[in-house]
N, C-alpha and C. Protein backbone atom coordinates (compact mmCIF):
# COMPACT_ATOMS: atom_id res chain seq x y z
N MET A 1 1.82 30.76 39.28
CA MET A 1 3.24 30.67 38.92
C MET A 1 4.08 30.45 40.17
N ARG A 2 4.88 29.40 40.17
CA ARG A 2 5.76 29.13 41.31
C ARG A 2 6.98 30.06 41.26
N THR A 3 7.52 30.39 42.42
CA THR A 3 8.66 31.29 42.50
C THR A 3 9.95 30.56 42.12
N VAL A 4 11.00 31.33 41.85
CA VAL A 4 12.31 30.75 41.54
C VAL A 4 12.80 29.89 42.70
N GLU A 5 12.57 30.36 43.92
CA GLU A 5 13.00 29.63 45.11
C GLU A 5 12.30 28.27 45.19
N GLU A 6 11.02 28.24 44.90
CA GLU A 6 10.28 26.97 44.90
C GLU A 6 10.79 26.03 43.82
N LEU A 7 11.07 26.59 42.67
CA LEU A 7 11.48 25.78 41.52
C LEU A 7 12.89 25.23 41.67
N THR A 8 13.72 25.88 42.49
CA THR A 8 15.14 25.49 42.61
C THR A 8 15.50 24.94 43.99
N SER A 9 14.50 24.58 44.78
CA SER A 9 14.78 24.08 46.13
C SER A 9 15.43 22.69 46.12
N ASP A 10 15.17 21.92 45.08
CA ASP A 10 15.76 20.58 44.94
C ASP A 10 16.53 20.54 43.62
N THR A 11 17.86 20.51 43.71
CA THR A 11 18.70 20.57 42.50
C THR A 11 19.33 19.21 42.18
N SER A 12 18.70 18.15 42.64
CA SER A 12 19.30 16.81 42.52
C SER A 12 19.55 16.38 41.08
N ALA A 13 18.74 16.83 40.15
CA ALA A 13 18.91 16.40 38.76
C ALA A 13 20.23 16.91 38.17
N TRP A 14 20.72 18.04 38.66
CA TRP A 14 21.96 18.59 38.13
C TRP A 14 23.14 17.68 38.45
N THR A 15 23.16 17.12 39.65
CA THR A 15 24.22 16.18 40.03
C THR A 15 24.19 14.95 39.13
N LEU A 16 23.00 14.43 38.91
CA LEU A 16 22.85 13.26 38.04
C LEU A 16 23.26 13.58 36.61
N LEU A 17 22.92 14.77 36.16
CA LEU A 17 23.25 15.20 34.81
C LEU A 17 24.76 15.32 34.62
N GLN A 18 25.43 15.88 35.60
CA GLN A 18 26.89 16.03 35.54
C GLN A 18 27.57 14.67 35.48
N GLN A 19 27.03 13.71 36.23
CA GLN A 19 27.60 12.36 36.24
C GLN A 19 27.45 11.71 34.86
N GLU A 20 26.30 11.92 34.26
CA GLU A 20 26.06 11.34 32.95
C GLU A 20 26.96 11.98 31.88
N ILE A 21 27.15 13.28 31.97
CA ILE A 21 28.00 13.99 31.02
C ILE A 21 29.46 13.53 31.16
N ALA A 22 29.87 13.25 32.39
CA ALA A 22 31.23 12.80 32.64
C ALA A 22 31.54 11.49 31.90
N GLY A 23 30.50 10.68 31.68
CA GLY A 23 30.69 9.41 30.98
C GLY A 23 30.26 9.46 29.53
N ALA A 24 30.08 10.66 28.99
CA ALA A 24 29.57 10.81 27.62
C ALA A 24 30.55 10.26 26.58
N LYS A 25 29.99 9.65 25.54
CA LYS A 25 30.79 9.15 24.42
C LYS A 25 30.91 10.21 23.32
N ASN A 26 29.90 11.06 23.23
CA ASN A 26 29.89 12.12 22.22
C ASN A 26 30.46 13.41 22.80
N LYS A 27 30.86 14.31 21.94
CA LYS A 27 31.39 15.61 22.35
C LYS A 27 30.26 16.45 22.96
N VAL A 28 30.43 16.86 24.21
CA VAL A 28 29.41 17.65 24.92
C VAL A 28 30.05 18.97 25.38
N GLU A 29 29.42 20.08 25.04
CA GLU A 29 29.89 21.40 25.49
C GLU A 29 28.79 22.07 26.29
N LEU A 30 29.06 22.25 27.59
CA LEU A 30 28.12 22.96 28.46
C LEU A 30 28.38 24.45 28.34
N LEU A 31 27.37 25.20 27.95
CA LEU A 31 27.52 26.65 27.85
C LEU A 31 27.21 27.29 29.19
N PRO A 32 28.07 28.18 29.67
CA PRO A 32 27.84 28.81 30.97
C PRO A 32 26.60 29.69 30.99
N VAL A 33 26.02 29.81 32.18
CA VAL A 33 24.82 30.64 32.32
C VAL A 33 25.21 32.11 32.46
N ASN A 34 24.32 32.99 32.06
CA ASN A 34 24.43 34.41 32.37
C ASN A 34 23.65 34.62 33.66
N VAL A 35 24.33 35.12 34.69
CA VAL A 35 23.71 35.26 36.00
C VAL A 35 22.45 36.11 35.91
N GLY A 36 21.38 35.62 36.46
CA GLY A 36 20.10 36.32 36.41
C GLY A 36 19.23 35.82 35.28
N GLN A 37 19.85 35.56 34.14
CA GLN A 37 19.11 35.08 32.98
C GLN A 37 18.54 33.68 33.24
N ASN A 38 19.31 32.88 34.00
CA ASN A 38 18.83 31.53 34.31
C ASN A 38 17.62 31.56 35.24
N LYS A 39 17.56 32.56 36.12
CA LYS A 39 16.40 32.67 37.02
C LYS A 39 15.15 33.06 36.25
N VAL A 40 15.32 33.96 35.30
CA VAL A 40 14.19 34.36 34.44
C VAL A 40 13.70 33.15 33.65
N ALA A 41 14.65 32.39 33.10
CA ALA A 41 14.29 31.25 32.25
C ALA A 41 13.58 30.15 33.03
N ILE A 42 14.04 29.85 34.24
CA ILE A 42 13.40 28.78 35.03
C ILE A 42 12.01 29.23 35.48
N TYR A 43 11.87 30.51 35.81
CA TYR A 43 10.57 31.04 36.20
C TYR A 43 9.58 30.97 35.04
N GLN A 44 10.04 31.35 33.86
CA GLN A 44 9.16 31.34 32.69
C GLN A 44 8.81 29.92 32.24
N THR A 45 9.73 28.99 32.46
CA THR A 45 9.49 27.60 32.06
C THR A 45 8.61 26.87 33.08
N GLN A 46 8.73 27.26 34.36
CA GLN A 46 7.93 26.66 35.43
C GLN A 46 8.15 25.15 35.58
N VAL A 47 9.41 24.74 35.44
CA VAL A 47 9.80 23.37 35.76
C VAL A 47 10.84 23.42 36.87
N THR A 48 10.89 22.40 37.70
CA THR A 48 11.80 22.41 38.83
C THR A 48 13.16 21.83 38.46
N THR A 49 14.17 22.18 39.24
CA THR A 49 15.51 21.63 39.03
C THR A 49 15.62 20.21 39.57
N HIS A 50 14.53 19.67 40.07
CA HIS A 50 14.48 18.24 40.39
C HIS A 50 14.37 17.44 39.09
N SER A 51 13.94 18.10 38.01
CA SER A 51 13.82 17.47 36.70
C SER A 51 15.04 17.79 35.85
N TYR A 52 15.31 16.94 34.89
CA TYR A 52 16.44 17.16 33.99
C TYR A 52 16.26 18.44 33.18
N MET A 53 15.06 18.70 32.72
CA MET A 53 14.85 19.92 31.95
C MET A 53 15.12 21.16 32.80
N GLY A 54 14.63 21.15 34.02
CA GLY A 54 14.89 22.27 34.92
C GLY A 54 16.36 22.47 35.17
N ALA A 55 17.09 21.36 35.32
CA ALA A 55 18.54 21.44 35.55
C ALA A 55 19.25 22.04 34.34
N VAL A 56 18.84 21.64 33.15
CA VAL A 56 19.45 22.19 31.93
C VAL A 56 19.16 23.68 31.81
N VAL A 57 17.93 24.07 32.09
CA VAL A 57 17.54 25.48 31.97
C VAL A 57 18.25 26.34 33.01
N TYR A 58 18.34 25.86 34.25
CA TYR A 58 18.85 26.69 35.34
C TYR A 58 20.38 26.69 35.43
N PHE A 59 21.00 25.56 35.10
CA PHE A 59 22.45 25.45 35.30
C PHE A 59 23.27 25.56 34.03
N THR A 60 22.62 25.67 32.87
CA THR A 60 23.38 25.83 31.63
C THR A 60 22.76 26.91 30.75
N GLY A 61 23.61 27.51 29.93
CA GLY A 61 23.11 28.42 28.91
C GLY A 61 22.63 27.65 27.70
N GLY A 62 22.80 26.34 27.76
CA GLY A 62 22.47 25.43 26.67
C GLY A 62 23.54 24.37 26.59
N ILE A 63 23.31 23.34 25.81
CA ILE A 63 24.29 22.27 25.64
C ILE A 63 24.47 22.00 24.15
N LEU A 64 25.72 22.00 23.71
CA LEU A 64 26.03 21.69 22.31
C LEU A 64 26.57 20.26 22.23
N ILE A 65 26.03 19.49 21.31
CA ILE A 65 26.40 18.09 21.14
C ILE A 65 27.08 17.89 19.79
N ASP A 66 28.15 17.10 19.79
CA ASP A 66 28.86 16.76 18.55
C ASP A 66 29.27 18.02 17.80
N HIS A 67 30.00 18.90 18.52
CA HIS A 67 30.56 20.13 17.94
C HIS A 67 29.47 21.10 17.46
N GLY A 68 28.29 21.02 18.09
CA GLY A 68 27.21 21.94 17.76
C GLY A 68 26.24 21.40 16.74
N TRP A 69 26.33 20.12 16.41
CA TRP A 69 25.37 19.54 15.46
C TRP A 69 23.97 19.56 16.08
N ILE A 70 23.88 19.18 17.37
CA ILE A 70 22.61 19.27 18.11
C ILE A 70 22.77 20.37 19.16
N ARG A 71 21.71 21.21 19.31
CA ARG A 71 21.74 22.29 20.30
C ARG A 71 20.56 22.09 21.24
N ILE A 72 20.85 21.82 22.50
CA ILE A 72 19.81 21.64 23.52
C ILE A 72 19.62 22.98 24.24
N LEU A 73 18.40 23.46 24.29
CA LEU A 73 18.14 24.79 24.81
C LEU A 73 18.16 24.83 26.33
N GLY A 74 18.81 25.86 26.87
CA GLY A 74 18.85 26.11 28.30
C GLY A 74 18.35 27.51 28.59
N SER A 75 19.16 28.30 29.30
CA SER A 75 18.73 29.66 29.64
C SER A 75 19.30 30.71 28.70
N GLY A 76 20.05 30.27 27.68
CA GLY A 76 20.60 31.21 26.71
C GLY A 76 22.01 31.62 27.05
N ASN A 77 22.76 31.98 26.04
CA ASN A 77 24.18 32.27 26.17
C ASN A 77 24.59 33.08 24.95
N GLN A 78 25.72 33.77 25.01
CA GLN A 78 26.16 34.55 23.85
C GLN A 78 26.37 33.66 22.63
N LYS A 79 26.80 32.42 22.87
CA LYS A 79 27.05 31.49 21.77
C LYS A 79 25.76 30.89 21.23
N LEU A 80 24.83 30.60 22.13
CA LEU A 80 23.51 30.06 21.77
C LEU A 80 22.49 31.06 22.30
N ASN A 81 22.15 32.03 21.47
CA ASN A 81 21.43 33.21 21.93
C ASN A 81 19.91 33.00 21.97
N ARG A 82 19.50 31.84 22.54
CA ARG A 82 18.08 31.52 22.68
C ARG A 82 17.87 30.76 23.99
N SER A 83 16.92 31.19 24.79
CA SER A 83 16.55 30.41 25.97
C SER A 83 15.39 29.50 25.58
N LEU A 84 15.16 28.45 26.36
CA LEU A 84 14.06 27.55 26.06
C LEU A 84 12.71 28.28 26.05
N PRO A 85 12.38 29.06 27.10
CA PRO A 85 11.09 29.77 27.05
C PRO A 85 11.05 30.87 26.01
N GLY A 86 12.17 31.55 25.81
CA GLY A 86 12.21 32.64 24.82
C GLY A 86 12.00 32.13 23.41
N TRP A 87 12.58 30.97 23.10
CA TRP A 87 12.44 30.39 21.77
C TRP A 87 11.01 29.91 21.52
N ASN A 88 10.36 29.40 22.58
CA ASN A 88 9.01 28.87 22.42
C ASN A 88 7.93 29.94 22.38
N LYS A 89 8.19 31.08 23.01
CA LYS A 89 7.16 32.13 23.04
C LYS A 89 6.84 32.61 21.63
N GLY A 90 5.56 32.59 21.30
CA GLY A 90 5.12 32.98 19.97
C GLY A 90 5.07 31.81 19.00
N LYS A 91 5.63 30.67 19.43
CA LYS A 91 5.60 29.48 18.58
C LYS A 91 4.70 28.40 19.18
N THR A 92 4.96 28.06 20.47
CA THR A 92 4.15 27.01 21.11
C THR A 92 3.23 27.58 22.19
N PHE A 93 3.48 28.80 22.62
CA PHE A 93 2.56 29.50 23.53
C PHE A 93 2.66 31.00 23.29
N LYS A 94 1.60 31.72 23.65
CA LYS A 94 1.58 33.17 23.44
C LYS A 94 2.13 33.92 24.64
N GLU A 95 1.68 33.51 25.84
CA GLU A 95 2.09 34.21 27.06
C GLU A 95 2.72 33.22 28.05
N VAL A 96 3.71 33.69 28.78
CA VAL A 96 4.37 32.88 29.81
C VAL A 96 3.33 32.41 30.83
N GLY A 97 3.39 31.15 31.19
CA GLY A 97 2.43 30.60 32.14
C GLY A 97 1.41 29.69 31.49
N GLU A 98 1.23 29.86 30.17
CA GLU A 98 0.33 28.99 29.44
C GLU A 98 0.94 27.60 29.30
N LYS A 99 0.08 26.59 29.27
CA LYS A 99 0.56 25.23 29.07
C LYS A 99 0.51 24.91 27.58
N PRO A 100 1.68 24.77 26.93
CA PRO A 100 1.69 24.55 25.49
C PRO A 100 1.32 23.12 25.11
N ASN A 101 0.83 22.95 23.89
CA ASN A 101 0.53 21.61 23.39
C ASN A 101 1.78 20.84 22.99
N PHE A 102 2.86 21.58 22.78
CA PHE A 102 4.18 20.96 22.61
C PHE A 102 5.22 22.02 22.95
N LEU A 103 6.44 21.57 23.23
CA LEU A 103 7.49 22.48 23.67
C LEU A 103 8.77 22.14 22.92
N LEU A 104 9.32 23.12 22.20
CA LEU A 104 10.57 22.93 21.47
C LEU A 104 11.73 22.89 22.46
N ILE A 105 12.54 21.84 22.40
CA ILE A 105 13.61 21.68 23.40
C ILE A 105 15.01 21.63 22.79
N ALA A 106 15.10 21.39 21.49
CA ALA A 106 16.41 21.29 20.85
C ALA A 106 16.23 21.34 19.33
N ASP A 107 17.34 21.60 18.62
CA ASP A 107 17.32 21.54 17.16
C ASP A 107 18.70 21.14 16.67
N ASP A 108 18.84 21.01 15.37
CA ASP A 108 20.12 20.53 14.84
C ASP A 108 20.57 21.33 13.62
N ALA A 109 21.77 21.02 13.15
CA ALA A 109 22.41 21.80 12.10
C ALA A 109 21.71 21.69 10.75
N VAL A 110 20.95 20.61 10.54
CA VAL A 110 20.26 20.44 9.25
C VAL A 110 18.83 20.94 9.29
N GLY A 111 18.48 21.68 10.35
CA GLY A 111 17.16 22.29 10.42
C GLY A 111 16.08 21.34 10.87
N GLY A 112 16.44 20.38 11.71
CA GLY A 112 15.46 19.50 12.35
C GLY A 112 15.16 20.01 13.75
N PHE A 113 13.96 19.72 14.27
CA PHE A 113 13.55 20.25 15.56
C PHE A 113 13.01 19.14 16.46
N PHE A 114 13.40 19.20 17.74
CA PHE A 114 12.94 18.25 18.74
C PHE A 114 11.94 18.94 19.67
N ALA A 115 10.87 18.24 20.00
CA ALA A 115 9.83 18.82 20.86
C ALA A 115 9.26 17.77 21.80
N ILE A 116 8.79 18.23 22.95
CA ILE A 116 8.07 17.37 23.90
C ILE A 116 6.58 17.49 23.61
N ASN A 117 5.93 16.37 23.55
CA ASN A 117 4.49 16.35 23.28
C ASN A 117 3.69 16.74 24.52
N GLY A 118 2.86 17.77 24.35
CA GLY A 118 1.96 18.17 25.41
C GLY A 118 0.50 17.92 25.06
N GLY A 119 0.30 17.10 24.01
CA GLY A 119 -1.04 16.78 23.53
C GLY A 119 -1.24 17.05 22.06
N GLU A 120 -0.32 17.81 21.46
CA GLU A 120 -0.41 18.17 20.05
C GLU A 120 -0.30 16.95 19.13
N PHE A 121 0.55 15.99 19.52
CA PHE A 121 0.88 14.89 18.62
C PHE A 121 0.17 13.58 18.97
N GLY A 122 -0.60 13.56 20.06
CA GLY A 122 -1.26 12.32 20.46
C GLY A 122 -1.32 12.18 21.96
N GLN A 123 -1.61 10.99 22.42
CA GLN A 123 -1.82 10.74 23.85
C GLN A 123 -0.53 10.46 24.62
N ASP A 124 0.58 10.27 23.93
CA ASP A 124 1.85 9.94 24.60
C ASP A 124 2.52 11.21 25.14
N LEU A 125 1.90 11.79 26.16
CA LEU A 125 2.39 13.04 26.75
C LEU A 125 3.80 12.86 27.32
N GLY A 126 4.63 13.88 27.11
CA GLY A 126 5.99 13.84 27.65
C GLY A 126 6.99 13.16 26.74
N GLN A 127 6.52 12.61 25.63
CA GLN A 127 7.42 11.93 24.70
C GLN A 127 8.01 12.92 23.69
N ILE A 128 9.21 12.58 23.20
CA ILE A 128 9.92 13.46 22.28
C ILE A 128 9.55 13.13 20.84
N TYR A 129 9.30 14.19 20.07
CA TYR A 129 9.04 14.06 18.63
C TYR A 129 10.11 14.84 17.86
N TYR A 130 10.36 14.39 16.64
CA TYR A 130 11.37 15.03 15.79
C TYR A 130 10.74 15.46 14.47
N LEU A 131 10.91 16.72 14.15
CA LEU A 131 10.48 17.25 12.86
C LEU A 131 11.69 17.17 11.93
N ALA A 132 11.71 16.12 11.10
CA ALA A 132 12.87 15.88 10.24
C ALA A 132 12.75 16.67 8.93
N PRO A 133 13.81 17.33 8.50
CA PRO A 133 13.74 18.13 7.28
C PRO A 133 13.57 17.29 6.01
N ASP A 134 13.82 15.97 6.11
CA ASP A 134 13.63 15.12 4.93
C ASP A 134 12.30 14.38 4.95
N GLN A 135 11.50 14.59 6.00
CA GLN A 135 10.20 13.93 6.10
C GLN A 135 9.04 14.93 6.16
N LEU A 136 9.33 16.13 6.69
CA LEU A 136 8.35 17.20 6.84
C LEU A 136 7.13 16.75 7.66
N LYS A 137 7.38 16.05 8.73
CA LYS A 137 6.33 15.67 9.67
C LYS A 137 6.97 15.35 11.02
N TRP A 138 6.17 15.51 12.08
CA TRP A 138 6.64 15.19 13.43
C TRP A 138 6.60 13.68 13.62
N GLU A 139 7.73 13.09 13.97
CA GLU A 139 7.84 11.65 14.14
C GLU A 139 8.16 11.31 15.59
N ALA A 140 7.47 10.33 16.14
CA ALA A 140 7.69 9.91 17.52
C ALA A 140 9.03 9.19 17.65
N LEU A 141 9.82 9.58 18.66
CA LEU A 141 11.07 8.89 18.94
C LEU A 141 10.91 7.85 20.04
N ASN A 142 9.75 7.86 20.69
CA ASN A 142 9.43 6.89 21.76
C ASN A 142 10.41 6.95 22.93
N ILE A 143 10.83 8.16 23.26
CA ILE A 143 11.68 8.40 24.43
C ILE A 143 11.22 9.68 25.11
N GLY A 144 11.53 9.81 26.40
CA GLY A 144 11.24 11.02 27.14
C GLY A 144 12.44 11.96 27.15
N TYR A 145 12.36 13.06 27.89
CA TYR A 145 13.41 14.08 27.88
C TYR A 145 14.75 13.53 28.40
N SER A 146 14.73 12.82 29.52
CA SER A 146 15.98 12.30 30.09
C SER A 146 16.62 11.29 29.15
N GLN A 147 15.80 10.48 28.48
CA GLN A 147 16.33 9.52 27.51
C GLN A 147 16.89 10.23 26.28
N PHE A 148 16.28 11.35 25.93
CA PHE A 148 16.80 12.15 24.82
C PHE A 148 18.19 12.67 25.16
N LEU A 149 18.37 13.16 26.38
CA LEU A 149 19.69 13.63 26.81
C LEU A 149 20.70 12.49 26.76
N SER A 150 20.29 11.32 27.23
CA SER A 150 21.18 10.15 27.22
C SER A 150 21.61 9.80 25.80
N PHE A 151 20.66 9.89 24.87
CA PHE A 151 20.99 9.65 23.46
C PHE A 151 22.01 10.67 22.97
N CYS A 152 21.80 11.95 23.30
CA CYS A 152 22.73 12.99 22.86
C CYS A 152 24.13 12.77 23.43
N PHE A 153 24.21 12.33 24.67
CA PHE A 153 25.50 12.15 25.33
C PHE A 153 26.23 10.89 24.86
N ALA A 154 25.48 9.82 24.65
CA ALA A 154 26.14 8.53 24.42
C ALA A 154 25.56 7.71 23.28
N GLY A 155 24.54 8.22 22.59
CA GLY A 155 23.90 7.47 21.52
C GLY A 155 24.66 7.51 20.20
N ASN A 156 24.18 6.74 19.26
CA ASN A 156 24.81 6.67 17.93
C ASN A 156 24.23 7.77 17.04
N ILE A 157 24.82 8.94 17.12
CA ILE A 157 24.33 10.09 16.37
C ILE A 157 24.52 9.90 14.87
N ASN A 158 25.62 9.29 14.49
CA ASN A 158 25.87 9.03 13.07
C ASN A 158 24.77 8.17 12.45
N GLN A 159 24.32 7.18 13.20
CA GLN A 159 23.26 6.31 12.69
C GLN A 159 21.94 7.07 12.57
N PHE A 160 21.61 7.87 13.58
CA PHE A 160 20.37 8.63 13.57
C PHE A 160 20.32 9.57 12.37
N TYR A 161 21.47 10.16 12.03
CA TYR A 161 21.53 11.13 10.94
C TYR A 161 22.15 10.53 9.66
N SER A 162 22.03 9.24 9.50
CA SER A 162 22.70 8.57 8.37
C SER A 162 22.30 9.15 7.01
N ASN A 163 21.07 9.63 6.88
CA ASN A 163 20.62 10.21 5.60
C ASN A 163 20.78 11.72 5.53
N LEU A 164 21.29 12.31 6.62
CA LEU A 164 21.32 13.77 6.70
C LEU A 164 22.74 14.33 6.91
N ARG A 165 23.73 13.49 6.63
CA ARG A 165 25.12 13.95 6.72
C ARG A 165 25.81 13.72 5.38
N TRP A 166 26.58 14.68 4.95
CA TRP A 166 27.28 14.62 3.68
C TRP A 166 28.78 14.55 3.95
N LYS A 167 29.55 14.32 2.94
CA LYS A 167 30.98 14.03 3.12
C LYS A 167 31.73 15.12 3.88
N SER A 168 31.42 16.38 3.59
CA SER A 168 32.19 17.49 4.19
C SER A 168 31.46 18.12 5.38
N TRP A 169 30.52 17.41 6.01
CA TRP A 169 29.69 18.04 7.04
C TRP A 169 30.50 18.57 8.22
N GLN A 170 31.55 17.84 8.60
CA GLN A 170 32.34 18.27 9.77
C GLN A 170 33.03 19.60 9.50
N GLN A 171 33.56 19.76 8.29
CA GLN A 171 34.23 21.00 7.91
C GLN A 171 33.21 22.13 7.79
N ASP A 172 32.08 21.83 7.17
CA ASP A 172 31.05 22.84 6.96
C ASP A 172 30.42 23.30 8.27
N LEU A 173 30.34 22.40 9.24
CA LEU A 173 29.73 22.72 10.53
C LEU A 173 30.48 23.84 11.26
N LYS A 174 31.77 23.96 11.00
CA LYS A 174 32.59 24.99 11.65
C LYS A 174 32.15 26.40 11.25
N LYS A 175 31.46 26.52 10.10
CA LYS A 175 31.01 27.84 9.62
C LYS A 175 29.68 28.26 10.25
N LEU A 176 29.07 27.34 11.01
CA LEU A 176 27.70 27.54 11.48
C LEU A 176 27.67 27.96 12.95
N SER A 177 26.85 28.94 13.28
CA SER A 177 26.62 29.26 14.69
C SER A 177 25.45 28.43 15.19
N PRO A 178 25.30 28.24 16.51
CA PRO A 178 24.18 27.45 17.04
C PRO A 178 22.81 28.10 16.83
N ASP A 179 22.77 29.30 16.30
CA ASP A 179 21.50 29.95 15.99
C ASP A 179 21.25 29.96 14.48
N GLN A 180 22.02 29.15 13.75
CA GLN A 180 21.86 29.02 12.31
C GLN A 180 21.72 27.55 11.94
N VAL A 181 21.20 27.30 10.74
CA VAL A 181 21.09 25.93 10.23
C VAL A 181 21.43 25.94 8.75
N PHE A 182 21.65 24.74 8.21
CA PHE A 182 21.80 24.59 6.76
C PHE A 182 20.43 24.42 6.14
N SER A 183 20.19 25.14 5.08
CA SER A 183 18.97 24.99 4.29
C SER A 183 19.36 24.36 2.95
N PHE A 184 18.57 23.42 2.48
CA PHE A 184 18.94 22.64 1.29
C PHE A 184 17.95 22.87 0.15
N TYR A 185 18.51 22.79 -1.06
CA TYR A 185 17.67 22.85 -2.25
C TYR A 185 18.26 21.94 -3.32
N PRO A 186 17.45 21.06 -3.92
CA PRO A 186 16.00 20.89 -3.72
C PRO A 186 15.68 20.49 -2.27
N PHE A 187 14.47 20.82 -1.82
CA PHE A 187 14.07 20.51 -0.45
C PHE A 187 14.20 19.02 -0.20
N LEU A 188 14.70 18.66 0.97
CA LEU A 188 15.04 17.27 1.26
C LEU A 188 13.84 16.34 1.30
N TRP A 189 12.63 16.88 1.49
CA TRP A 189 11.45 16.01 1.55
C TRP A 189 10.89 15.70 0.16
N THR A 190 11.47 16.31 -0.87
CA THR A 190 10.99 16.08 -2.23
C THR A 190 11.77 14.93 -2.88
N VAL A 191 11.23 14.40 -3.95
CA VAL A 191 11.91 13.33 -4.70
C VAL A 191 13.26 13.82 -5.20
N GLU A 192 13.30 15.06 -5.67
CA GLU A 192 14.53 15.63 -6.21
C GLU A 192 15.61 15.84 -5.14
N GLY A 193 15.16 15.98 -3.89
CA GLY A 193 16.09 16.28 -2.81
C GLY A 193 16.52 15.09 -1.97
N LYS A 194 16.25 13.88 -2.45
CA LYS A 194 16.55 12.69 -1.66
C LYS A 194 18.04 12.45 -1.44
N SER A 195 18.87 12.97 -2.32
CA SER A 195 20.32 12.84 -2.15
C SER A 195 20.88 14.13 -1.57
N ILE A 196 21.23 14.10 -0.30
CA ILE A 196 21.74 15.31 0.36
C ILE A 196 23.09 15.71 -0.22
N GLU A 197 23.81 14.75 -0.77
CA GLU A 197 25.12 15.01 -1.38
C GLU A 197 24.97 15.93 -2.59
N LYS A 198 23.87 15.80 -3.32
CA LYS A 198 23.66 16.57 -4.55
C LYS A 198 22.96 17.90 -4.30
N ALA A 199 22.34 18.05 -3.14
CA ALA A 199 21.59 19.28 -2.83
C ALA A 199 22.55 20.43 -2.55
N SER A 200 22.14 21.63 -2.92
CA SER A 200 22.93 22.82 -2.58
C SER A 200 22.60 23.24 -1.16
N ARG A 201 23.56 23.86 -0.48
CA ARG A 201 23.39 24.26 0.92
C ARG A 201 23.63 25.75 1.08
N LYS A 202 22.82 26.36 1.95
CA LYS A 202 23.10 27.73 2.36
C LYS A 202 22.79 27.85 3.84
N ILE A 203 23.41 28.81 4.49
CA ILE A 203 23.21 29.02 5.93
C ILE A 203 22.11 30.05 6.14
N VAL A 204 21.14 29.69 6.99
CA VAL A 204 20.02 30.60 7.29
C VAL A 204 19.80 30.65 8.80
N PRO A 205 19.15 31.69 9.32
CA PRO A 205 18.82 31.73 10.75
C PRO A 205 17.86 30.60 11.11
N VAL A 206 17.99 30.07 12.31
CA VAL A 206 17.17 28.92 12.72
C VAL A 206 15.68 29.27 12.73
N TYR A 207 15.33 30.51 13.08
CA TYR A 207 13.91 30.90 13.11
C TYR A 207 13.32 30.89 11.71
N GLU A 208 14.13 31.23 10.74
CA GLU A 208 13.67 31.23 9.35
C GLU A 208 13.35 29.81 8.89
N GLN A 209 14.20 28.87 9.28
CA GLN A 209 13.98 27.47 8.93
C GLN A 209 12.72 26.92 9.61
N TYR A 210 12.53 27.27 10.89
CA TYR A 210 11.35 26.78 11.62
C TYR A 210 10.06 27.30 10.95
N ASP A 211 10.06 28.58 10.65
CA ASP A 211 8.88 29.17 10.00
C ASP A 211 8.63 28.52 8.64
N PHE A 212 9.70 28.27 7.91
CA PHE A 212 9.57 27.69 6.58
C PHE A 212 8.99 26.26 6.65
N LEU A 213 9.53 25.45 7.56
CA LEU A 213 9.06 24.07 7.68
C LEU A 213 7.60 24.01 8.14
N THR A 214 7.25 24.80 9.14
CA THR A 214 5.88 24.75 9.66
C THR A 214 4.88 25.29 8.64
N ASN A 215 5.27 26.32 7.90
CA ASN A 215 4.38 26.85 6.85
C ASN A 215 4.24 25.85 5.69
N SER A 216 5.32 25.15 5.38
CA SER A 216 5.28 24.14 4.31
C SER A 216 4.36 22.99 4.71
N MET A 217 4.40 22.61 5.98
CA MET A 217 3.54 21.54 6.47
C MET A 217 2.06 21.94 6.37
N LYS A 218 1.76 23.19 6.69
CA LYS A 218 0.38 23.67 6.60
C LYS A 218 -0.11 23.66 5.16
N GLN A 219 0.75 24.08 4.24
CA GLN A 219 0.37 24.11 2.83
C GLN A 219 0.10 22.72 2.28
N LEU A 220 0.89 21.74 2.72
CA LEU A 220 0.72 20.37 2.24
C LEU A 220 -0.60 19.77 2.74
N LYS A 221 -1.05 20.24 3.91
CA LYS A 221 -2.30 19.72 4.49
C LYS A 221 -3.54 20.29 3.81
N GLN A 222 -3.38 21.42 3.15
CA GLN A 222 -4.54 22.09 2.52
C GLN A 222 -5.03 21.33 1.28
C-alpha cells in the first residue's frame, strides 16, 4: 500500500480538472472535502492525484451533475454521504487493498450505476460500463474515466437519458438526496415498464436499489 504522501506528490490532474469544469456546459457542483476524510479515501483507493480519479477522490467530496441527476463519488460529504472506497467495500472488494474486478464510480437518480471494468466485463480494462435500470445488464460505453467526466461536464445528458426522463423529472429531482434514487414499478426492464411516464415512482436508498438490481440480474441468469 502506497502512502498518502506518495499518492499525492503529483496533483497535476486537479488543475486540468478545474479547467475542464470551468468550461462545462452542464450544471456541475463540486462538494467540499472533509479534512482528513480525503486522505483516508485516497489511501484506501490507492490511486494517485496524477490521475483524474485520484483528483476527484482527494480534492472533492464528490461531484453532482445536472442538479444531482448524476453523482460522481469522491471522498464523501454531508450531502453525498458515500466515499468511493467506502461505497465499493463489500460490493466490489472485501478488504481495502484488494484489486476489484470492477469499481463503482458514479450513479444516477433513476438507479443506474457506472463502473470501471477491472476484468469483470471483458478484456477492455479501464473502460466504463453502465448498469441501466431499463436494461438490467452492464453495457459498455466505450470510454475511460476521464472521458466519462468530460461527458458529465459537457455531454448531451438529455440524449443519453432520453428513455429515462419523464415530464416532471426536474421538479421531482428536488425531493431526492444524492444518496437516494427513484425506484419504478412496473420494473423498467419489463414489457409493462417500458413507458417511464406510466410507471409509479418511489424514493429508496441507493444501496437498496443496487442490491435489488444485482440480485435481479442473478435470478434472471439462473
